Protein backbone atom coordinates (compact mmCIF):
# COMPACT_ATOMS: atom_id res chain seq x y z
CA MET A 1 -10.37 47.16 25.73
CA LEU A 2 -6.59 46.97 25.65
CA ARG A 3 -6.69 43.79 27.72
CA ILE A 4 -9.01 42.12 25.23
CA VAL A 5 -6.74 43.03 22.30
CA TYR A 6 -3.71 41.80 24.25
CA PHE A 7 -5.50 38.55 25.14
CA LEU A 8 -6.54 37.94 21.52
CA LEU A 9 -3.01 38.65 20.32
CA VAL A 10 -1.52 36.21 22.84
CA LEU A 11 -4.13 33.60 21.91
CA LEU A 12 -3.40 34.01 18.21
CA LEU A 13 0.37 33.78 18.65
CA SER A 14 0.18 30.81 21.01
CA GLY A 15 -1.02 28.64 18.13
CA VAL A 16 2.03 29.59 16.12
CA ALA A 17 4.32 28.93 19.07
CA ALA A 18 2.82 25.47 19.58
CA ALA A 19 3.38 24.49 15.95
CA GLU A 20 5.91 21.72 15.51
CA VAL A 21 9.28 22.72 14.16
CA ALA A 22 10.16 20.82 11.01
CA ASP A 23 13.47 18.99 10.69
CA VAL A 24 16.09 21.32 9.27
CA TYR A 25 19.26 19.75 7.94
CA ASP A 26 22.17 21.46 6.25
CA PHE A 27 23.27 19.87 2.96
CA SER A 28 26.31 20.80 0.90
CA ASP A 29 24.47 20.53 -2.42
CA ARG A 30 21.11 19.71 -4.01
CA ALA A 31 22.19 16.16 -4.95
CA GLN A 32 22.92 15.30 -1.31
CA GLU A 33 19.56 16.70 -0.24
CA GLN A 34 17.81 14.64 -2.94
CA ARG A 35 19.69 11.52 -1.81
CA TYR A 36 18.49 12.14 1.74
CA GLN A 37 14.88 12.58 0.57
CA ASN A 38 15.04 9.35 -1.45
CA LEU A 39 16.39 7.43 1.53
CA ILE A 40 13.79 8.64 4.02
CA GLU A 41 10.98 7.99 1.53
CA GLU A 42 12.00 4.35 1.00
CA LEU A 43 12.21 3.50 4.71
CA ARG A 44 9.07 2.53 6.65
CA CYS A 45 8.23 3.80 10.12
CA PRO A 46 8.24 0.86 12.59
CA LYS A 47 5.47 2.47 14.64
CA CYS A 48 3.18 3.77 11.89
CA GLN A 49 3.31 0.51 9.91
CA ASN A 50 2.42 1.84 6.46
CA GLN A 51 4.00 5.28 6.40
CA ASN A 52 7.52 6.22 5.43
CA ILE A 53 9.77 8.07 7.85
CA ALA A 54 9.59 11.21 5.71
CA ASP A 55 5.84 11.56 6.37
CA SER A 56 5.65 10.19 9.90
CA ASN A 57 5.54 12.39 12.99
CA ALA A 58 6.39 9.53 15.36
CA PRO A 59 9.45 10.09 17.55
CA ILE A 60 11.06 6.91 16.22
CA SER A 61 10.83 8.35 12.69
CA LYS A 62 12.56 11.52 13.79
CA ASP A 63 15.33 9.40 15.33
CA MET A 64 15.62 7.45 12.08
CA ARG A 65 15.78 10.66 9.99
CA ASP A 66 18.50 11.96 12.32
CA ALA A 67 20.41 8.68 11.97
CA VAL A 68 20.17 8.81 8.16
CA TYR A 69 21.45 12.41 8.15
CA ARG A 70 24.28 11.61 10.57
CA MET A 71 25.39 8.55 8.56
CA MET A 72 25.27 10.55 5.32
CA LYS A 73 27.50 13.22 6.87
CA ASP A 74 29.89 10.45 8.00
CA GLY A 75 30.19 9.28 4.38
CA ALA A 76 28.11 6.08 4.50
CA SER A 77 26.64 4.74 1.26
CA ASN A 78 22.90 4.23 0.76
CA GLU A 79 23.31 0.47 1.23
CA GLU A 80 25.23 0.95 4.48
CA ILE A 81 22.58 3.31 5.82
CA VAL A 82 19.70 0.98 4.94
CA GLU A 83 21.53 -2.07 6.32
CA SER A 84 22.26 -0.22 9.55
CA LEU A 85 18.58 0.63 10.02
CA VAL A 86 17.51 -2.90 9.02
CA GLY A 87 19.96 -4.28 11.59
CA ARG A 88 18.47 -2.03 14.24
CA PHE A 89 14.74 -2.26 13.40
CA GLY A 90 14.42 -5.40 11.28
CA GLU A 91 13.58 -6.11 7.63
CA PHE A 92 10.17 -4.47 8.13
CA VAL A 93 11.62 -0.97 7.65
CA ARG A 94 12.16 -1.67 3.95
CA TYR A 95 9.24 -1.05 1.65
CA LYS A 96 10.87 -3.39 -0.87
CA PRO A 97 12.52 -6.27 1.02
CA GLU A 98 15.35 -8.03 -0.76
CA LEU A 99 14.77 -11.46 -2.28
CA ASP A 100 16.15 -14.18 -0.02
CA SER A 101 14.97 -17.42 1.54
CA ARG A 102 12.88 -15.55 4.14
CA THR A 103 11.12 -13.26 1.65
CA PHE A 104 10.77 -15.64 -1.29
CA LEU A 105 7.12 -16.41 -0.54
CA LEU A 106 6.37 -12.69 -0.23
CA TRP A 107 7.75 -12.05 -3.71
CA ALA A 108 6.30 -15.25 -5.23
CA THR A 109 2.74 -14.81 -3.92
CA PRO A 110 1.50 -12.59 -6.80
CA ALA A 111 2.83 -15.01 -9.42
CA ILE A 112 1.36 -17.98 -7.54
CA ALA A 113 -2.03 -16.25 -7.32
CA VAL A 114 -2.08 -15.40 -11.03
CA LEU A 115 -1.01 -18.91 -12.00
CA GLY A 116 -3.65 -20.42 -9.69
CA GLY A 117 -6.33 -18.19 -11.20
CA LEU A 118 -5.33 -19.18 -14.73
CA LEU A 119 -5.48 -22.87 -13.77
CA VAL A 120 -8.98 -22.44 -12.33
CA VAL A 121 -10.19 -20.61 -15.45
CA ALA A 122 -8.63 -23.26 -17.71
CA GLY A 123 -10.30 -26.03 -15.67
CA VAL A 124 -13.71 -24.37 -15.94
CA VAL A 125 -13.36 -23.84 -19.69
CA ILE A 126 -12.23 -27.44 -20.30
CA ARG A 127 -15.08 -28.88 -18.20
CA SER A 128 -17.67 -26.75 -19.97
CA ARG A 129 -16.44 -27.91 -23.37
CA ARG A 130 -16.51 -31.57 -22.34
CA ALA A 131 -20.00 -31.34 -20.84
CA GLY A 132 -21.59 -30.52 -24.18
CA PRO A 133 -24.86 -28.58 -24.34
CA GLU A 134 -25.87 -26.86 -21.14
CA SER A 135 -29.45 -28.19 -21.00
CA PRO A 136 -31.10 -31.12 -22.79
CA ALA A 137 -33.76 -30.46 -25.41
CA LEU A 138 -37.36 -30.38 -24.21
CA SER A 139 -39.47 -33.47 -24.67
CA ALA A 140 -42.63 -33.21 -26.80
CA GLU A 141 -44.79 -33.10 -23.68
CA GLU A 142 -42.72 -30.33 -22.10
CA GLN A 143 -42.73 -28.33 -25.34
CA ALA A 144 -46.54 -28.59 -25.48
CA ARG A 145 -46.82 -27.31 -21.90
CA VAL A 146 -44.56 -24.36 -22.70
CA ASN A 147 -46.58 -23.49 -25.80
CA LYS A 148 -49.83 -23.67 -23.78
CA MET A 149 -48.38 -21.35 -21.09
CA LEU A 150 -47.25 -18.84 -23.69
CA ALA A 151 -50.64 -18.95 -25.42
CA ASP A 152 -52.45 -18.40 -22.10
CA GLN A 153 -50.19 -15.43 -21.37
CA ASP A 154 -51.00 -13.76 -24.70
CA LYS A 155 -54.79 -13.92 -24.07
CA PRO A 156 -56.29 -10.64 -22.83
CA SER A 157 -57.60 -10.76 -19.26
């Protein structure tokens, strides 16, 4: 009986021992900790594609978090930290890439799409106004056929 209790206790505690240890960093004040959180939330994990390094469990994200912490302790500004990581991993690590000749199309695409949509809608509206009535009036023969069909439909079976 004692062996079973011991086995269950070991089994229960092994799950706790296998749990991943969260990153623990020492900050001098709350403002510095908030600055760190803001930085790691605005940087994208190169492996996870659409996840910031704050939420990612990938080893590369841990390395990036460590680099951000180390550079903050060395007195680097936010811009210097981001530029260092962009230099190492590429522009992809930014969630909001800066506007330059390489990213102009990325930033202009929403405006181009909206403008294109407005032009299409305007073209459709102008064409419909120029075309006049949608369907021509029925001839006398066609109107007589329609009346006959409606009359036949109203008759009880």
